[in-house]
Amino acid sequence: MASPPASGLPLRRARFADLTPFELYGLCRLRVDVFVVEQQCPYPELDGRDTEPTTEHLWFESDGEVTATIRVLEDGGGTRAIGRVATAAAFRGQGLAARLIEEGIASYGGAAITLGAQAHLEGWYARFGFRRSGGGYVEDGIPHVPMRREPA
């Protein structure tokens, strides 16, 4: 599927209770496609935190298909955590994930924000002000590094 220019895609955001069944399916489908199928993670990306009342899901859609997504969690002590960053293969290289990260920072940048970055993306997250905050670890067979962005 040829992807249309992503610059005009509207940002969508919702808490779990406000997602329609079709939106929820689209978010989960993209995660499965990226994390399970492409990256061959052995476990589905369900940890129960999607349903927490303070968790916010941000995404872009094109013709009803979720093209990129992140979620922002309340992580205790006023800290937020960005995770589940995923972009559909046909929409990569168009800046969608960057726009979602920027929106997450704009919305929650008054608090410290953490994330677990795939190690090869450490430099990409650094451009948004995230810095390594500990030693590396392996999650689902993929090297990761903890990162943190201090409040603005």
C-alpha atoms as a PDB file:
ATOM      1  CA  MET A   1       0.000   0.000   0.000  1.00  0.00           C
ATOM      2  CA  ALA A   2       1.461   3.351  -1.004  1.00  0.00           C
ATOM      3  CA  SER A   3       1.275   5.783   1.859  1.00  0.00           C
ATOM      4  CA  PRO A   4      -0.077   9.299   1.391  1.00  0.00           C
ATOM      5  CA  PRO A   5       1.941  12.242   2.698  1.00  0.00           C
ATOM      6  CA  ALA A   6       1.768  12.084   6.479  1.00  0.00           C
ATOM      7  CA  SER A   7       2.016  15.809   7.111  1.00  0.00           C
ATOM      8  CA  GLY A   8      -1.738  16.310   6.880  1.00  0.00           C
ATOM      9  CA  LEU A   9      -2.791  13.458   9.144  1.00  0.00           C
ATOM     10  CA  PRO A  10      -4.713  14.712  12.176  1.00  0.00           C
ATOM     11  CA  LEU A  11      -3.507  13.803  15.647  1.00  0.00           C
ATOM     12  CA  ARG A  12      -5.899  11.598  17.596  1.00  0.00           C
ATOM     13  CA  ARG A  13      -5.786  11.072  21.369  1.00  0.00           C
ATOM     14  CA  ALA A  14      -7.951   9.262  23.886  1.00  0.00           C
ATOM     15  CA  ARG A  15      -7.973   7.498  27.194  1.00  0.00           C
ATOM     16  CA  PHE A  16      -8.796   3.775  27.040  1.00  0.00           C
ATOM     17  CA  ALA A  17     -12.421   4.208  28.159  1.00  0.00           C
ATOM     18  CA  ASP A  18     -12.985   6.675  25.307  1.00  0.00           C
ATOM     19  CA  LEU A  19     -11.582   4.476  22.523  1.00  0.00           C
ATOM     20  CA  THR A  20     -14.043   2.936  20.109  1.00  0.00           C
ATOM     21  CA  PRO A  21     -13.688  -0.805  19.490  1.00  0.00           C
ATOM     22  CA  PHE A  22     -12.325  -0.014  16.022  1.00  0.00           C
ATOM     23  CA  GLU A  23      -9.713   2.416  17.380  1.00  0.00           C
ATOM     24  CA  LEU A  24      -8.623  -0.096  20.020  1.00  0.00           C
ATOM     25  CA  TYR A  25      -8.351  -2.831  17.409  1.00  0.00           C
ATOM     26  CA  GLY A  26      -6.280  -0.543  15.149  1.00  0.00           C
ATOM     27  CA  LEU A  27      -3.864   0.359  17.945  1.00  0.00           C
ATOM     28  CA  CYS A  28      -3.420  -3.284  18.959  1.00  0.00           C
ATOM     29  CA  ARG A  29      -3.112  -4.441  15.346  1.00  0.00           C
ATOM     30  CA  LEU A  30      -0.279  -1.983  14.691  1.00  0.00           C
ATOM     31  CA  ARG A  31       1.569  -3.084  17.834  1.00  0.00           C
ATOM     32  CA  VAL A  32       1.270  -6.735  16.854  1.00  0.00           C
ATOM     33  CA  ASP A  33       2.473  -5.960  13.324  1.00  0.00           C
ATOM     34  CA  VAL A  34       5.496  -4.013  14.566  1.00  0.00           C
ATOM     35  CA  PHE A  35       6.521  -5.740  17.778  1.00  0.00           C
ATOM     36  CA  VAL A  36       5.445  -9.342  17.287  1.00  0.00           C
ATOM     37  CA  VAL A  37       5.612  -9.859  13.521  1.00  0.00           C
ATOM     38  CA  GLU A  38       8.478  -7.555  12.461  1.00  0.00           C
ATOM     39  CA  GLN A  39      10.637  -7.639  15.580  1.00  0.00           C
ATOM     40  CA  GLN A  40       9.677 -11.182  16.522  1.00  0.00           C
ATOM     41  CA  CYS A  41       9.047 -10.365  20.175  1.00  0.00           C
ATOM     42  CA  PRO A  42       7.948 -13.592  21.835  1.00  0.00           C
ATOM     43  CA  TYR A  43       5.136 -12.013  23.850  1.00  0.00           C
ATOM     44  CA  PRO A  44       2.186  -9.818  22.908  1.00  0.00           C
ATOM     45  CA  GLU A  45       2.414  -6.181  23.906  1.00  0.00           C
ATOM     46  CA  LEU A  46      -0.289  -6.350  26.598  1.00  0.00           C
ATOM     47  CA  ASP A  47       0.785  -5.405  30.110  1.00  0.00           C
ATOM     48  CA  GLY A  48      -2.503  -4.080  31.486  1.00  0.00           C
ATOM     49  CA  ARG A  49      -1.340  -0.478  31.639  1.00  0.00           C
ATOM     50  CA  ASP A  50      -3.283   0.567  28.540  1.00  0.00           C
ATOM     51  CA  THR A  51      -6.503   0.505  30.550  1.00  0.00           C
ATOM     52  CA  GLU A  52      -5.347   2.684  33.454  1.00  0.00           C
ATOM     53  CA  PRO A  53      -7.537   5.797  33.757  1.00  0.00           C
ATOM     54  CA  THR A  54      -4.591   8.208  33.357  1.00  0.00           C
ATOM     55  CA  THR A  55      -3.024   6.456  30.350  1.00  0.00           C
ATOM     56  CA  GLU A  56      -3.396   8.420  27.144  1.00  0.00           C
ATOM     57  CA  HIS A  57      -3.071   6.955  23.663  1.00  0.00           C
ATOM     58  CA  LEU A  58      -1.930   9.231  20.823  1.00  0.00           C
ATOM     59  CA  TRP A  59      -2.006   8.179  17.179  1.00  0.00           C
ATOM     60  CA  PHE A  60      -2.366   9.107  13.552  1.00  0.00           C
ATOM     61  CA  GLU A  61      -4.747   7.457  11.100  1.00  0.00           C
ATOM     62  CA  SER A  62      -5.018   7.353   7.340  1.00  0.00           C
ATOM     63  CA  ASP A  63      -8.238   6.049   5.785  1.00  0.00           C
ATOM     64  CA  GLY A  64      -9.205   4.414   9.082  1.00  0.00           C
ATOM     65  CA  GLU A  65      -5.828   2.650   9.480  1.00  0.00           C
ATOM     66  CA  VAL A  66      -3.635   3.485  12.481  1.00  0.00           C
ATOM     67  CA  THR A  67      -0.320   4.607  11.019  1.00  0.00           C
ATOM     68  CA  ALA A  68       1.665   5.502  14.164  1.00  0.00           C
ATOM     69  CA  THR A  69       1.041   5.436  17.903  1.00  0.00           C
ATOM     70  CA  ILE A  70       2.471   6.053  21.365  1.00  0.00           C
ATOM     71  CA  ARG A  71       1.024   5.804  24.830  1.00  0.00           C
ATOM     72  CA  VAL A  72       1.776   8.031  27.808  1.00  0.00           C
ATOM     73  CA  LEU A  73       1.515   6.535  31.297  1.00  0.00           C
ATOM     74  CA  GLU A  74       1.517   8.058  34.739  1.00  0.00           C
ATOM     75  CA  ASP A  75       4.573   6.406  36.236  1.00  0.00           C
ATOM     76  CA  GLY A  76       4.476   7.564  39.865  1.00  0.00           C
ATOM     77  CA  GLY A  77       5.935  10.574  41.626  1.00  0.00           C
ATOM     78  CA  GLY A  78       4.675  12.937  38.932  1.00  0.00           C
ATOM     79  CA  THR A  79       6.728  11.174  36.262  1.00  0.00           C
ATOM     80  CA  ARG A  80       5.257  10.162  32.912  1.00  0.00           C
ATOM     81  CA  ALA A  81       6.464   7.328  30.699  1.00  0.00           C
ATOM     82  CA  ILE A  82       6.223   7.202  26.917  1.00  0.00           C
ATOM     83  CA  GLY A  83       6.088   3.780  25.379  1.00  0.00           C
ATOM     84  CA  ARG A  84       4.720   1.475  22.712  1.00  0.00           C
ATOM     85  CA  VAL A  85       6.115   3.755  20.006  1.00  0.00           C
ATOM     86  CA  ALA A  86       5.196   2.115  16.698  1.00  0.00           C
ATOM     87  CA  THR A  87       4.860   3.213  13.072  1.00  0.00           C
ATOM     88  CA  ALA A  88       3.397   1.122  10.255  1.00  0.00           C
ATOM     89  CA  ALA A  89       6.051   0.088   7.736  1.00  0.00           C
ATOM     90  CA  ALA A  90       4.360   1.956   4.880  1.00  0.00           C
ATOM     91  CA  PHE A  91       4.470   5.215   6.869  1.00  0.00           C
ATOM     92  CA  ARG A  92       8.027   5.177   8.212  1.00  0.00           C
ATOM     93  CA  GLY A  93      10.409   7.990   7.384  1.00  0.00           C
ATOM     94  CA  GLN A  94       7.663  10.629   7.353  1.00  0.00           C
ATOM     95  CA  GLY A  95       8.200  11.963  10.879  1.00  0.00           C
ATOM     96  CA  LEU A  96       5.044  10.548  12.446  1.00  0.00           C
ATOM     97  CA  ALA A  97       6.774   9.062  15.498  1.00  0.00           C
ATOM     98  CA  ALA A  98       8.692  12.319  15.985  1.00  0.00           C
ATOM     99  CA  ARG A  99       5.445  14.294  15.878  1.00  0.00           C
ATOM    100  CA  LEU A 100       3.908  11.959  18.474  1.00  0.00           C
ATOM    101  CA  ILE A 101       6.946  12.235  20.778  1.00  0.00           C
ATOM    102  CA  GLU A 102       6.863  16.030  20.421  1.00  0.00           C
ATOM    103  CA  GLU A 103       3.151  16.054  21.276  1.00  0.00           C
ATOM    104  CA  GLY A 104       3.767  13.853  24.307  1.00  0.00           C
ATOM    105  CA  ILE A 105       6.475  16.233  25.486  1.00  0.00           C
ATOM    106  CA  ALA A 106       4.281  19.275  24.821  1.00  0.00           C
ATOM    107  CA  SER A 107       1.446  17.723  26.811  1.00  0.00           C
ATOM    108  CA  TYR A 108       3.483  16.312  29.697  1.00  0.00           C
ATOM    109  CA  GLY A 109       6.846  18.120  29.539  1.00  0.00           C
ATOM    110  CA  GLY A 110       6.169  19.829  32.860  1.00  0.00           C
ATOM    111  CA  ALA A 111       6.990  16.460  34.414  1.00  0.00           C
ATOM    112  CA  ALA A 112       9.985  14.207  34.021  1.00  0.00           C
ATOM    113  CA  ILE A 113       9.370  11.723  31.198  1.00  0.00           C
ATOM    114  CA  THR A 114      10.990   8.305  31.008  1.00  0.00           C
ATOM    115  CA  LEU A 115      11.110   5.625  28.352  1.00  0.00           C
ATOM    116  CA  GLY A 116      12.793   2.348  27.559  1.00  0.00           C
ATOM    117  CA  ALA A 117      14.430   2.907  24.182  1.00  0.00           C
ATOM    118  CA  GLN A 118      15.566   0.180  21.882  1.00  0.00           C
ATOM    119  CA  ALA A 119      19.337   0.648  22.094  1.00  0.00           C
ATOM    120  CA  HIS A 120      19.772   1.434  18.403  1.00  0.00           C
ATOM    121  CA  LEU A 121      17.326   4.359  18.801  1.00  0.00           C
ATOM    122  CA  GLU A 122      19.109   6.035  21.724  1.00  0.00           C
ATOM    123  CA  GLY A 123      20.441   8.829  19.493  1.00  0.00           C
ATOM    124  CA  TRP A 124      17.015   9.380  17.940  1.00  0.00           C
ATOM    125  CA  TYR A 125      15.426   9.914  21.381  1.00  0.00           C
ATOM    126  CA  ALA A 126      18.346  12.122  22.445  1.00  0.00           C
ATOM    127  CA  ARG A 127      17.273  14.698  19.866  1.00  0.00           C
ATOM    128  CA  PHE A 128      14.125  15.249  21.980  1.00  0.00           C
ATOM    129  CA  GLY A 129      16.146  15.827  25.154  1.00  0.00           C
ATOM    130  CA  PHE A 130      16.127  12.276  26.520  1.00  0.00           C
ATOM    131  CA  ARG A 131      19.352  11.108  28.176  1.00  0.00           C
ATOM    132  CA  ARG A 132      20.418   7.614  29.189  1.00  0.00           C
ATOM    133  CA  SER A 133      19.525   7.094  32.840  1.00  0.00           C
ATOM    134  CA  GLY A 134      20.982   3.664  33.609  1.00  0.00           C
ATOM    135  CA  GLY A 135      22.537   0.523  32.267  1.00  0.00           C
ATOM    136  CA  GLY A 136      21.276  -1.371  29.281  1.00  0.00           C
ATOM    137  CA  TYR A 137      18.973  -4.373  29.520  1.00  0.00           C
ATOM    138  CA  VAL A 138      17.337  -6.883  27.225  1.00  0.00           C
ATOM    139  CA  GLU A 139      13.555  -6.897  26.858  1.00  0.00           C
ATOM    140  CA  ASP A 140      11.852  -9.446  24.614  1.00  0.00           C
ATOM    141  CA  GLY A 141      15.261 -10.323  23.172  1.00  0.00           C
ATOM    142  CA  ILE A 142      15.977  -6.715  22.123  1.00  0.00           C
ATOM    143  CA  PRO A 143      18.680  -4.528  23.751  1.00  0.00           C
ATOM    144  CA  HIS A 144      17.158  -1.465  25.462  1.00  0.00           C
ATOM    145  CA  VAL A 145      18.418   1.520  27.456  1.00  0.00           C
ATOM    146  CA  PRO A 146      16.484   3.509  30.060  1.00  0.00           C
ATOM    147  CA  MET A 147      16.168   7.182  29.183  1.00  0.00           C
ATOM    148  CA  ARG A 148      14.826  10.255  30.970  1.00  0.00           C
ATOM    149  CA  ARG A 149      13.902  13.789  29.988  1.00  0.00           C
ATOM    150  CA  GLU A 150      13.821  16.318  32.786  1.00  0.00           C
ATOM    151  CA  PRO A 151      10.932  18.811  33.072  1.00  0.00           C
ATOM    152  CA  ALA A 152      11.084  21.857  30.849  1.00  0.00           C
END
